[in-house]
Amino acid sequence: MSDKTTKVRSWEEFKRLIIEQKPNAIVYNIEQNGLSSERDLTVLRLIIPCQEKYYVFIDFPEGEQLRGTGIPISVDKKGNRYLEEEEVKNFLKARFGREDLTICSYWTI
């Protein structure tokens, strides 16, 4: 990662940065799990865009939920595992409880 991007190693550290940095937004991206033979959409990348740098936390599946955040993994009728966007948004809104915090997909910024 570049000087302007810092990898955040834990969910606890990510939460601390949200409180400390008071960002205007959290950006998320749901990605394919390269470690899964099914390449299911179960990896969550969270980004805090700040003036000086970006902070990035990547959360991987562990069982039926994500390891760090605990967000549950959904399963469709065909058995494909995935993260539900509304579940991600609702979780982040509830966790940080800031009305002024924008939560958006990487593809919408």
PDB file of N, CA and C in Angstrom:
ATOM      1  N   MET A   1       0.843  -1.186   0.000  1.00  0.00           N
ATOM      2  CA  MET A   1       0.000   0.000   0.000  1.00  0.00           C
ATOM      3  C   MET A   1       0.886   1.246   0.000  1.00  0.00           C
ATOM      4  N   SER A   2       0.372   2.318  -0.543  1.00  0.00           N
ATOM      5  CA  SER A   2       1.139   3.558  -0.640  1.00  0.00           C
ATOM      6  C   SER A   2       1.170   4.292   0.690  1.00  0.00           C
ATOM      7  N   ASP A   3       1.931   5.391   0.730  1.00  0.00           N
ATOM      8  CA  ASP A   3       2.014   6.216   1.934  1.00  0.00           C
ATOM      9  C   ASP A   3       0.653   6.799   2.306  1.00  0.00           C
ATOM     10  N   LYS A   4      -0.197   6.937   1.323  1.00  0.00           N
ATOM     11  CA  LYS A   4      -1.505   7.556   1.569  1.00  0.00           C
ATOM     12  C   LYS A   4      -2.585   6.538   1.888  1.00  0.00           C
ATOM     13  N   THR A   5      -2.215   5.261   1.943  1.00  0.00           N
ATOM     14  CA  THR A   5      -3.165   4.207   2.285  1.00  0.00           C
ATOM     15  C   THR A   5      -2.589   3.387   3.424  1.00  0.00           C
ATOM     16  N   THR A   6      -3.381   3.207   4.476  1.00  0.00           N
ATOM     17  CA  THR A   6      -2.942   2.432   5.628  1.00  0.00           C
ATOM     18  C   THR A   6      -3.890   1.265   5.831  1.00  0.00           C
ATOM     19  N   LYS A   7      -3.329   0.055   5.896  1.00  0.00           N
ATOM     20  CA  LYS A   7      -4.133  -1.129   6.152  1.00  0.00           C
ATOM     21  C   LYS A   7      -4.421  -1.218   7.648  1.00  0.00           C
ATOM     22  N   VAL A   8      -5.686  -1.344   7.971  1.00  0.00           N
ATOM     23  CA  VAL A   8      -6.116  -1.474   9.360  1.00  0.00           C
ATOM     24  C   VAL A   8      -6.245  -2.966   9.639  1.00  0.00           C
ATOM     25  N   ARG A   9      -5.580  -3.442  10.663  1.00  0.00           N
ATOM     26  CA  ARG A   9      -5.477  -4.877  10.915  1.00  0.00           C
ATOM     27  C   ARG A   9      -6.630  -5.482  11.711  1.00  0.00           C
ATOM     28  N   SER A  10      -7.412  -4.666  12.411  1.00  0.00           N
ATOM     29  CA  SER A  10      -8.493  -5.239  13.221  1.00  0.00           C
ATOM     30  C   SER A  10      -9.736  -4.353  13.183  1.00  0.00           C
ATOM     31  N   TRP A  11     -10.867  -4.966  13.468  1.00  0.00           N
ATOM     32  CA  TRP A  11     -12.128  -4.249  13.544  1.00  0.00           C
ATOM     33  C   TRP A  11     -12.082  -3.248  14.694  1.00  0.00           C
ATOM     34  N   GLU A  12     -11.459  -3.619  15.798  1.00  0.00           N
ATOM     35  CA  GLU A  12     -11.343  -2.710  16.942  1.00  0.00           C
ATOM     36  C   GLU A  12     -10.579  -1.447  16.562  1.00  0.00           C
ATOM     37  N   GLU A  13      -9.501  -1.601  15.811  1.00  0.00           N
ATOM     38  CA  GLU A  13      -8.722  -0.443  15.363  1.00  0.00           C
ATOM     39  C   GLU A  13      -9.533   0.420  14.401  1.00  0.00           C
ATOM     40  N   PHE A  14     -10.296  -0.225  13.517  1.00  0.00           N
ATOM     41  CA  PHE A  14     -11.138   0.512  12.574  1.00  0.00           C
ATOM     42  C   PHE A  14     -12.166   1.360  13.327  1.00  0.00           C
ATOM     43  N   LYS A  15     -12.806   0.779  14.334  1.00  0.00           N
ATOM     44  CA  LYS A  15     -13.790   1.517  15.140  1.00  0.00           C
ATOM     45  C   LYS A  15     -13.129   2.703  15.841  1.00  0.00           C
ATOM     46  N   ARG A  16     -11.933   2.494  16.363  1.00  0.00           N
ATOM     47  CA  ARG A  16     -11.204   3.572  17.036  1.00  0.00           C
ATOM     48  C   ARG A  16     -10.915   4.711  16.054  1.00  0.00           C
ATOM     49  N   LEU A  17     -10.526   4.373  14.838  1.00  0.00           N
ATOM     50  CA  LEU A  17     -10.228   5.393  13.826  1.00  0.00           C
ATOM     51  C   LEU A  17     -11.471   6.203  13.447  1.00  0.00           C
ATOM     52  N   ILE A  18     -12.619   5.546  13.390  1.00  0.00           N
ATOM     53  CA  ILE A  18     -13.873   6.263  13.088  1.00  0.00           C
ATOM     54  C   ILE A  18     -14.128   7.320  14.157  1.00  0.00           C
ATOM     55  N   ILE A  19     -13.951   6.932  15.411  1.00  0.00           N
ATOM     56  CA  ILE A  19     -14.179   7.866  16.517  1.00  0.00           C
ATOM     57  C   ILE A  19     -13.132   8.978  16.509  1.00  0.00           C
ATOM     58  N   GLU A  20     -11.889   8.609  16.302  1.00  0.00           N
ATOM     59  CA  GLU A  20     -10.771   9.558  16.342  1.00  0.00           C
ATOM     60  C   GLU A  20     -10.761  10.522  15.156  1.00  0.00           C
ATOM     61  N   GLN A  21     -10.938   9.987  13.951  1.00  0.00           N
ATOM     62  CA  GLN A  21     -10.823  10.790  12.728  1.00  0.00           C
ATOM     63  C   GLN A  21     -12.102  11.550  12.374  1.00  0.00           C
ATOM     64  N   LYS A  22     -13.247  11.079  12.871  1.00  0.00           N
ATOM     65  CA  LYS A  22     -14.542  11.692  12.565  1.00  0.00           C
ATOM     66  C   LYS A  22     -14.741  11.926  11.057  1.00  0.00           C
ATOM     67  N   PRO A  23     -14.636  10.856  10.265  1.00  0.00           N
ATOM     68  CA  PRO A  23     -14.772  11.026   8.809  1.00  0.00           C
ATOM     69  C   PRO A  23     -16.205  11.389   8.416  1.00  0.00           C
ATOM     70  N   ASN A  24     -16.343  11.939   7.219  1.00  0.00           N
ATOM     71  CA  ASN A  24     -17.666  12.258   6.677  1.00  0.00           C
ATOM     72  C   ASN A  24     -18.348  11.034   6.098  1.00  0.00           C
ATOM     73  N   ALA A  25     -17.538   9.994   5.770  1.00  0.00           N
ATOM     74  CA  ALA A  25     -18.101   8.827   5.082  1.00  0.00           C
ATOM     75  C   ALA A  25     -17.307   7.567   5.397  1.00  0.00           C
ATOM     76  N   ILE A  26     -17.998   6.445   5.225  1.00  0.00           N
ATOM     77  CA  ILE A  26     -17.360   5.135   5.157  1.00  0.00           C
ATOM     78  C   ILE A  26     -17.755   4.578   3.799  1.00  0.00           C
ATOM     79  N   VAL A  27     -16.768   4.120   3.060  1.00  0.00           N
ATOM     80  CA  VAL A  27     -17.009   3.545   1.745  1.00  0.00           C
ATOM     81  C   VAL A  27     -16.794   2.040   1.865  1.00  0.00           C
ATOM     82  N   TYR A  28     -17.683   1.255   1.258  1.00  0.00           N
ATOM     83  CA  TYR A  28     -17.532  -0.195   1.328  1.00  0.00           C
ATOM     84  C   TYR A  28     -17.530  -0.798  -0.068  1.00  0.00           C
ATOM     85  N   ASN A  29     -16.944  -1.981  -0.160  1.00  0.00           N
ATOM     86  CA  ASN A  29     -16.985  -2.745  -1.392  1.00  0.00           C
ATOM     87  C   ASN A  29     -17.124  -4.210  -1.009  1.00  0.00           C
ATOM     88  N   ILE A  30     -18.051  -4.909  -1.617  1.00  0.00           N
ATOM     89  CA  ILE A  30     -18.226  -6.344  -1.407  1.00  0.00           C
ATOM     90  C   ILE A  30     -17.493  -7.042  -2.540  1.00  0.00           C
ATOM     91  N   GLU A  31     -16.574  -7.946  -2.171  1.00  0.00           N
ATOM     92  CA  GLU A  31     -15.673  -8.543  -3.158  1.00  0.00           C
ATOM     93  C   GLU A  31     -15.748 -10.062  -3.144  1.00  0.00           C
ATOM     94  N   GLN A  32     -15.265 -10.658  -4.231  1.00  0.00           N
ATOM     95  CA  GLN A  32     -15.183 -12.116  -4.305  1.00  0.00           C
ATOM     96  C   GLN A  32     -14.127 -12.620  -3.338  1.00  0.00           C
ATOM     97  N   ASN A  33     -14.403 -13.765  -2.751  1.00  0.00           N
ATOM     98  CA  ASN A  33     -13.452 -14.407  -1.861  1.00  0.00           C
ATOM     99  C   ASN A  33     -12.515 -15.266  -2.706  1.00  0.00           C
ATOM    100  N   GLY A  34     -11.310 -14.806  -2.918  1.00  0.00           N
ATOM    101  CA  GLY A  34     -10.331 -15.526  -3.726  1.00  0.00           C
ATOM    102  C   GLY A  34      -9.860 -16.819  -3.089  1.00  0.00           C
ATOM    103  N   LEU A  35     -10.104 -16.986  -1.799  1.00  0.00           N
ATOM    104  CA  LEU A  35      -9.696 -18.208  -1.107  1.00  0.00           C
ATOM    105  C   LEU A  35     -10.758 -19.297  -1.186  1.00  0.00           C
ATOM    106  N   SER A  36     -11.921 -18.967  -1.744  1.00  0.00           N
ATOM    107  CA  SER A  36     -13.022 -19.913  -1.868  1.00  0.00           C
ATOM    108  C   SER A  36     -13.079 -20.446  -3.292  1.00  0.00           C
ATOM    109  N   SER A  37     -13.291 -21.736  -3.429  1.00  0.00           N
ATOM    110  CA  SER A  37     -13.385 -22.321  -4.774  1.00  0.00           C
ATOM    111  C   SER A  37     -14.625 -21.815  -5.514  1.00  0.00           C
ATOM    112  N   GLU A  38     -15.641 -21.369  -4.770  1.00  0.00           N
ATOM    113  CA  GLU A  38     -16.872 -20.848  -5.387  1.00  0.00           C
ATOM    114  C   GLU A  38     -16.766 -19.373  -5.753  1.00  0.00           C
ATOM    115  N   ARG A  39     -15.728 -18.704  -5.262  1.00  0.00           N
ATOM    116  CA  ARG A  39     -15.537 -17.262  -5.524  1.00  0.00           C
ATOM    117  C   ARG A  39     -16.766 -16.459  -5.108  1.00  0.00           C
ATOM    118  N   ASP A  40     -17.354 -16.824  -3.958  1.00  0.00           N
ATOM    119  CA  ASP A  40     -18.544 -16.140  -3.483  1.00  0.00           C
ATOM    120  C   ASP A  40     -18.245 -14.712  -3.036  1.00  0.00           C
ATOM    121  N   LEU A  41     -19.278 -13.879  -3.007  1.00  0.00           N
ATOM    122  CA  LEU A  41     -19.140 -12.461  -2.657  1.00  0.00           C
ATOM    123  C   LEU A  41     -19.243 -12.295  -1.142  1.00  0.00           C
ATOM    124  N   THR A  42     -18.159 -12.666  -0.435  1.00  0.00           N
ATOM    125  CA  THR A  42     -18.194 -12.680   1.021  1.00  0.00           C
ATOM    126  C   THR A  42     -17.029 -11.945   1.678  1.00  0.00           C
ATOM    127  N   VAL A  43     -16.339 -11.098   0.942  1.00  0.00           N
ATOM    128  CA  VAL A  43     -15.266 -10.293   1.525  1.00  0.00           C
ATOM    129  C   VAL A  43     -15.723  -8.836   1.535  1.00  0.00           C
ATOM    130  N   LEU A  44     -15.542  -8.187   2.666  1.00  0.00           N
ATOM    131  CA  LEU A  44     -15.970  -6.794   2.800  1.00  0.00           C
ATOM    132  C   LEU A  44     -14.756  -5.897   2.987  1.00  0.00           C
ATOM    133  N   ARG A  45     -14.626  -4.910   2.102  1.00  0.00           N
ATOM    134  CA  ARG A  45     -13.562  -3.907   2.218  1.00  0.00           C
ATOM    135  C   ARG A  45     -14.219  -2.611   2.691  1.00  0.00           C
ATOM    136  N   LEU A  46     -13.746  -2.091   3.826  1.00  0.00           N
ATOM    137  CA  LEU A  46     -14.242  -0.822   4.360  1.00  0.00           C
ATOM    138  C   LEU A  46     -13.131   0.210   4.260  1.00  0.00           C
ATOM    139  N   ILE A  47     -13.481   1.404   3.803  1.00  0.00           N
ATOM    140  CA  ILE A  47     -12.493   2.471   3.585  1.00  0.00           C
ATOM    141  C   ILE A  47     -12.949   3.726   4.313  1.00  0.00           C
ATOM    142  N   ILE A  48     -12.017   4.307   5.064  1.00  0.00           N
ATOM    143  CA  ILE A  48     -12.260   5.617   5.680  1.00  0.00           C
ATOM    144  C   ILE A  48     -11.458   6.631   4.864  1.00  0.00           C
ATOM    145  N   PRO A  49     -12.125   7.468   4.080  1.00  0.00           N
ATOM    146  CA  PRO A  49     -11.403   8.501   3.339  1.00  0.00           C
ATOM    147  C   PRO A  49     -11.184   9.726   4.230  1.00  0.00           C
ATOM    148  N   CYS A  50      -9.938  10.008   4.546  1.00  0.00           N
ATOM    149  CA  CYS A  50      -9.579  11.187   5.341  1.00  0.00           C
ATOM    150  C   CYS A  50      -8.745  12.118   4.476  1.00  0.00           C
ATOM    151  N   GLN A  51      -8.505  13.324   4.957  1.00  0.00           N
ATOM    152  CA  GLN A  51      -7.761  14.294   4.158  1.00  0.00           C
ATOM    153  C   GLN A  51      -6.344  13.835   3.856  1.00  0.00           C
ATOM    154  N   GLU A  52      -5.658  13.285   4.843  1.00  0.00           N
ATOM    155  CA  GLU A  52      -4.255  12.911   4.656  1.00  0.00           C
ATOM    156  C   GLU A  52      -4.076  11.551   4.000  1.00  0.00           C
ATOM    157  N   LYS A  53      -4.989  10.610   4.290  1.00  0.00           N
ATOM    158  CA  LYS A  53      -4.829   9.247   3.791  1.00  0.00           C
ATOM    159  C   LYS A  53      -6.132   8.487   3.840  1.00  0.00           C
ATOM    160  N   TYR A  54      -6.093   7.285   3.290  1.00  0.00           N
ATOM    161  CA  TYR A  54      -7.204   6.349   3.347  1.00  0.00           C
ATOM    162  C   TYR A  54      -6.842   5.237   4.319  1.00  0.00           C
ATOM    163  N   TYR A  55      -7.812   4.832   5.139  1.00  0.00           N
ATOM    164  CA  TYR A  55      -7.644   3.688   6.022  1.00  0.00           C
ATOM    165  C   TYR A  55      -8.512   2.567   5.479  1.00  0.00           C
ATOM    166  N   VAL A  56      -7.934   1.370   5.315  1.00  0.00           N
ATOM    167  CA  VAL A  56      -8.646   0.260   4.694  1.00  0.00           C
ATOM    168  C   VAL A  56      -8.657  -0.943   5.636  1.00  0.00           C
ATOM    169  N   PHE A  57      -9.852  -1.478   5.882  1.00  0.00           N
ATOM    170  CA  PHE A  57     -10.018  -2.695   6.668  1.00  0.00           C
ATOM    171  C   PHE A  57     -10.704  -3.729   5.785  1.00  0.00           C
ATOM    172  N   ILE A  58     -10.147  -4.931   5.730  1.00  0.00           N
ATOM    173  CA  ILE A  58     -10.733  -6.009   4.934  1.00  0.00           C
ATOM    174  C   ILE A  58     -11.197  -7.101   5.890  1.00  0.00           C
ATOM    175  N   ASP A  59     -12.464  -7.456   5.782  1.00  0.00           N
ATOM    176  CA  ASP A  59     -13.069  -8.453   6.658  1.00  0.00           C
ATOM    177  C   ASP A  59     -13.388  -9.706   5.847  1.00  0.00           C
ATOM    178  N   PHE A  60     -12.929 -10.850   6.349  1.00  0.00           N
ATOM    179  CA  PHE A  60     -13.091 -12.128   5.661  1.00  0.00           C
ATOM    180  C   PHE A  60     -14.106 -13.017   6.371  1.00  0.00           C
ATOM    181  N   PRO A  61     -14.712 -13.947   5.629  1.00  0.00           N
ATOM    182  CA  PRO A  61     -15.686 -14.846   6.250  1.00  0.00           C
ATOM    183  C   PRO A  61     -15.023 -15.843   7.199  1.00  0.00           C
ATOM    184  N   GLU A  62     -15.770 -16.169   8.231  1.00  0.00           N
ATOM    185  CA  GLU A  62     -15.390 -17.233   9.152  1.00  0.00           C
ATOM    186  C   GLU A  62     -16.700 -17.916   9.547  1.00  0.00           C
ATOM    187  N   GLY A  63     -16.923 -19.074   8.985  1.00  0.00           N
ATOM    188  CA  GLY A  63     -18.198 -19.749   9.206  1.00  0.00           C
ATOM    189  C   GLY A  63     -19.313 -19.028   8.477  1.00  0.00           C
ATOM    190  N   GLU A  64     -20.353 -18.689   9.206  1.00  0.00           N
ATOM    191  CA  GLU A  64     -21.537 -18.059   8.610  1.00  0.00           C
ATOM    192  C   GLU A  64     -21.592 -16.557   8.828  1.00  0.00           C
ATOM    193  N   GLN A  65     -20.449 -15.948   9.182  1.00  0.00           N
ATOM    194  CA  GLN A  65     -20.399 -14.497   9.377  1.00  0.00           C
ATOM    195  C   GLN A  65     -18.993 -14.000   9.061  1.00  0.00           C
ATOM    196  N   LEU A  66     -18.850 -12.676   9.060  1.00  0.00           N
ATOM    197  CA  LEU A  66     -17.523 -12.094   8.854  1.00  0.00           C
ATOM    198  C   LEU A  66     -16.753 -12.126  10.169  1.00  0.00           C
ATOM    199  N   ARG A  67     -15.464 -12.348  10.065  1.00  0.00           N
ATOM    200  CA  ARG A  67     -14.604 -12.522  11.233  1.00  0.00           C
ATOM    201  C   ARG A  67     -14.574 -11.308  12.154  1.00  0.00           C
ATOM    202  N   GLY A  68     -14.371 -10.122  11.602  1.00  0.00           N
ATOM    203  CA  GLY A  68     -14.224  -8.924  12.422  1.00  0.00           C
ATOM    204  C   GLY A  68     -15.537  -8.303  12.858  1.00  0.00           C
ATOM    205  N   THR A  69     -16.380  -8.018  11.899  1.00  0.00           N
ATOM    206  CA  THR A  69     -17.625  -7.299  12.185  1.00  0.00           C
ATOM    207  C   THR A  69     -18.736  -8.201  12.699  1.00  0.00           C
ATOM    208  N   GLY A  70     -18.696  -9.465  12.308  1.00  0.00           N
ATOM    209  CA  GLY A  70     -19.778 -10.370  12.683  1.00  0.00           C
ATOM    210  C   GLY A  70     -21.007 -10.248  11.799  1.00  0.00           C
ATOM    211  N   ILE A  71     -20.902  -9.513  10.700  1.00  0.00           N
ATOM    212  CA  ILE A  71     -22.030  -9.386   9.767  1.00  0.00           C
ATOM    213  C   ILE A  71     -22.343 -10.776   9.202  1.00  0.00           C
ATOM    214  N   PRO A  72     -23.623 -11.182   9.244  1.00  0.00           N
ATOM    215  CA  PRO A  72     -23.969 -12.531   8.766  1.00  0.00           C
ATOM    216  C   PRO A  72     -23.844 -12.654   7.246  1.00  0.00           C
ATOM    217  N   ILE A  73     -23.503 -13.864   6.812  1.00  0.00           N
ATOM    218  CA  ILE A  73     -23.411 -14.179   5.394  1.00  0.00           C
ATOM    219  C   ILE A  73     -24.736 -14.801   4.972  1.00  0.00           C
ATOM    220  N   SER A  74     -25.324 -14.277   3.907  1.00  0.00           N
ATOM    221  CA  SER A  74     -26.594 -14.790   3.385  1.00  0.00           C
ATOM    222  C   SER A  74     -26.328 -15.923   2.396  1.00  0.00           C
ATOM    223  N   VAL A  75     -27.343 -16.735   2.165  1.00  0.00           N
ATOM    224  CA  VAL A  75     -27.260 -17.830   1.199  1.00  0.00           C
ATOM    225  C   VAL A  75     -28.502 -17.759   0.318  1.00  0.00           C
ATOM    226  N   ASP A  76     -28.290 -17.760  -1.016  1.00  0.00           N
ATOM    227  CA  ASP A  76     -29.445 -17.706  -1.921  1.00  0.00           C
ATOM    228  C   ASP A  76     -30.035 -19.103  -2.130  1.00  0.00           C
ATOM    229  N   LYS A  77     -31.072 -19.195  -2.959  1.00  0.00           N
ATOM    230  CA  LYS A  77     -31.784 -20.455  -3.187  1.00  0.00           C
ATOM    231  C   LYS A  77     -30.895 -21.549  -3.784  1.00  0.00           C
ATOM    232  N   LYS A  78     -29.843 -21.137  -4.483  1.00  0.00           N
ATOM    233  CA  LYS A  78     -28.936 -22.102  -5.106  1.00  0.00           C
ATOM    234  C   LYS A  78     -27.764 -22.474  -4.203  1.00  0.00           C
ATOM    235  N   GLY A  79     -27.739 -21.887  -3.013  1.00  0.00           N
ATOM    236  CA  GLY A  79     -26.668 -22.199  -2.072  1.00  0.00           C
ATOM    237  C   GLY A  79     -25.456 -21.293  -2.172  1.00  0.00           C
ATOM    238  N   ASN A  80     -25.536 -20.245  -2.984  1.00  0.00           N
ATOM    239  CA  ASN A  80     -24.433 -19.298  -3.117  1.00  0.00           C
ATOM    240  C   ASN A  80     -24.388 -18.366  -1.910  1.00  0.00           C
ATOM    241  N   ARG A  81     -23.217 -18.203  -1.336  1.00  0.00           N
ATOM    242  CA  ARG A  81     -23.036 -17.328  -0.180  1.00  0.00           C
ATOM    243  C   ARG A  81     -22.711 -15.914  -0.659  1.00  0.00           C
ATOM    244  N   TYR A  82     -23.244 -14.911   0.042  1.00  0.00           N
ATOM    245  CA  TYR A  82     -23.014 -13.521  -0.348  1.00  0.00           C
ATOM    246  C   TYR A  82     -23.299 -12.599   0.829  1.00  0.00           C
ATOM    247  N   LEU A  83     -22.810 -11.376   0.714  1.00  0.00           N
ATOM    248  CA  LEU A  83     -23.124 -10.324   1.680  1.00  0.00           C
ATOM    249  C   LEU A  83     -24.223  -9.457   1.104  1.00  0.00           C
ATOM    250  N   GLU A  84     -25.217  -9.187   1.896  1.00  0.00           N
ATOM    251  CA  GLU A  84     -26.344  -8.348   1.496  1.00  0.00           C
ATOM    252  C   GLU A  84     -25.979  -6.886   1.745  1.00  0.00           C
ATOM    253  N   GLU A  85     -26.058  -6.047   0.708  1.00  0.00           N
ATOM    254  CA  GLU A  85     -25.666  -4.638   0.847  1.00  0.00           C
ATOM    255  C   GLU A  85     -26.438  -3.920   1.940  1.00  0.00           C
ATOM    256  N   GLU A  86     -27.730  -4.132   2.013  1.00  0.00           N
ATOM    257  CA  GLU A  86     -28.531  -3.453   3.040  1.00  0.00           C
ATOM    258  C   GLU A  86     -28.105  -3.875   4.439  1.00  0.00           C
ATOM    259  N   GLU A  87     -27.719  -5.140   4.593  1.00  0.00           N
ATOM    260  CA  GLU A  87     -27.244  -5.641   5.887  1.00  0.00           C
ATOM    261  C   GLU A  87     -25.953  -4.908   6.291  1.00  0.00           C
ATOM    262  N   VAL A  88     -25.064  -4.699   5.326  1.00  0.00           N
ATOM    263  CA  VAL A  88     -23.812  -3.978   5.589  1.00  0.00           C
ATOM    264  C   VAL A  88     -24.116  -2.537   5.996  1.00  0.00           C
ATOM    265  N   LYS A  89     -24.944  -1.857   5.222  1.00  0.00           N
ATOM    266  CA  LYS A  89     -25.292  -0.459   5.523  1.00  0.00           C
ATOM    267  C   LYS A  89     -25.966  -0.330   6.893  1.00  0.00           C
ATOM    268  N   ASN A  90     -26.941  -1.187   7.149  1.00  0.00           N
ATOM    269  CA  ASN A  90     -27.660  -1.130   8.422  1.00  0.00           C
ATOM    270  C   ASN A  90     -26.734  -1.401   9.601  1.00  0.00           C
ATOM    271  N   PHE A  91     -25.822  -2.354   9.445  1.00  0.00           N
ATOM    272  CA  PHE A  91     -24.867  -2.659  10.504  1.00  0.00           C
ATOM    273  C   PHE A  91     -23.998  -1.446  10.815  1.00  0.00           C
ATOM    274  N   LEU A  92     -23.439  -0.825   9.780  1.00  0.00           N
ATOM    275  CA  LEU A  92     -22.548   0.325   9.987  1.00  0.00           C
ATOM    276  C   LEU A  92     -23.295   1.513  10.587  1.00  0.00           C
ATOM    277  N   LYS A  93     -24.503   1.755  10.112  1.00  0.00           N
ATOM    278  CA  LYS A  93     -25.308   2.853  10.667  1.00  0.00           C
ATOM    279  C   LYS A  93     -25.605   2.620  12.137  1.00  0.00           C
ATOM    280  N   ALA A  94     -25.991   1.397  12.481  1.00  0.00           N
ATOM    281  CA  ALA A  94     -26.305   1.070  13.870  1.00  0.00           C
ATOM    282  C   ALA A  94     -25.054   1.116  14.750  1.00  0.00           C
ATOM    283  N   ARG A  95     -23.947   0.639  14.231  1.00  0.00           N
ATOM    284  CA  ARG A  95     -22.716   0.568  15.028  1.00  0.00           C
ATOM    285  C   ARG A  95     -22.174   1.948  15.366  1.00  0.00           C
ATOM    286  N   PHE A  96     -22.204   2.870  14.411  1.00  0.00           N
ATOM    287  CA  PHE A  96     -21.591   4.174  14.639  1.00  0.00           C
ATOM    288  C   PHE A  96     -22.607   5.251  15.004  1.00  0.00           C
ATOM    289  N   GLY A  97     -23.868   5.050  14.693  1.00  0.00           N
ATOM    290  CA  GLY A  97     -24.946   5.913  15.145  1.00  0.00           C
ATOM    291  C   GLY A  97     -24.786   7.397  14.869  1.00  0.00           C
ATOM    292  N   ARG A  98     -24.096   7.733  13.814  1.00  0.00           N
ATOM    293  CA  ARG A  98     -23.938   9.147  13.443  1.00  0.00           C
ATOM    294  C   ARG A  98     -24.815   9.461  12.246  1.00  0.00           C
ATOM    295  N   GLU A  99     -25.719  10.395  12.430  1.00  0.00           N
ATOM    296  CA  GLU A  99     -26.623  10.793  11.346  1.00  0.00           C
ATOM    297  C   GLU A  99     -25.860  11.458  10.193  1.00  0.00           C
ATOM    298  N   ASP A 100     -24.739  12.090  10.509  1.00  0.00           N
ATOM    299  CA  ASP A 100     -23.975  12.817   9.488  1.00  0.00           C
ATOM    300  C   ASP A 100     -22.986  11.925   8.732  1.00  0.00           C
ATOM    301  N   LEU A 101     -22.889  10.652   9.085  1.00  0.00           N
ATOM    302  CA  LEU A 101     -21.938   9.728   8.461  1.00  0.00           C
ATOM    303  C   LEU A 101     -22.557   9.107   7.220  1.00  0.00           C
ATOM    304  N   THR A 102     -21.989   9.407   6.058  1.00  0.00           N
ATOM    305  CA  THR A 102     -22.450   8.827   4.795  1.00  0.00           C
ATOM    306  C   THR A 102     -21.843   7.444   4.651  1.00  0.00           C
ATOM    307  N   ILE A 103     -22.673   6.478   4.276  1.00  0.00           N
ATOM    308  CA  ILE A 103     -22.201   5.120   4.018  1.00  0.00           C
ATOM    309  C   ILE A 103     -22.589   4.783   2.596  1.00  0.00           C
ATOM    310  N   CYS A 104     -21.571   4.553   1.764  1.00  0.00           N
ATOM    311  CA  CYS A 104     -21.874   4.311   0.358  1.00  0.00           C
ATOM    312  C   CYS A 104     -20.943   3.264  -0.239  1.00  0.00           C
ATOM    313  N   SER A 105     -21.424   2.662  -1.299  1.00  0.00           N
ATOM    314  CA  SER A 105     -20.653   1.681  -2.038  1.00  0.00           C
ATOM    315  C   SER A 105     -19.536   2.380  -2.792  1.00  0.00           C
ATOM    316  N   TYR A 106     -18.425   1.698  -2.936  1.00  0.00           N
ATOM    317  CA  TYR A 106     -17.290   2.223  -3.699  1.00  0.00           C
ATOM    318  C   TYR A 106     -17.720   2.612  -5.105  1.00  0.00           C
ATOM    319  N   TRP A 107     -18.663   1.903  -5.678  1.00  0.00           N
ATOM    320  CA  TRP A 107     -19.095   2.136  -7.047  1.00  0.00           C
ATOM    321  C   TRP A 107     -20.004   3.354  -7.173  1.00  0.00           C
ATOM    322  N   THR A 108     -20.448   3.941  -6.053  1.00  0.00           N
ATOM    323  CA  THR A 108     -21.352   5.088  -6.146  1.00  0.00           C
ATOM    324  C   THR A 108     -20.656   6.414  -5.863  1.00  0.00           C
ATOM    325  N   ILE A 109     -19.361   6.380  -5.503  1.00  0.00           N
ATOM    326  CA  ILE A 109     -18.689   7.658  -5.194  1.00  0.00           C
ATOM    327  C   ILE A 109     -18.097   8.291  -6.429  1.00  0.00           C
TER     328      ILE A 109
END
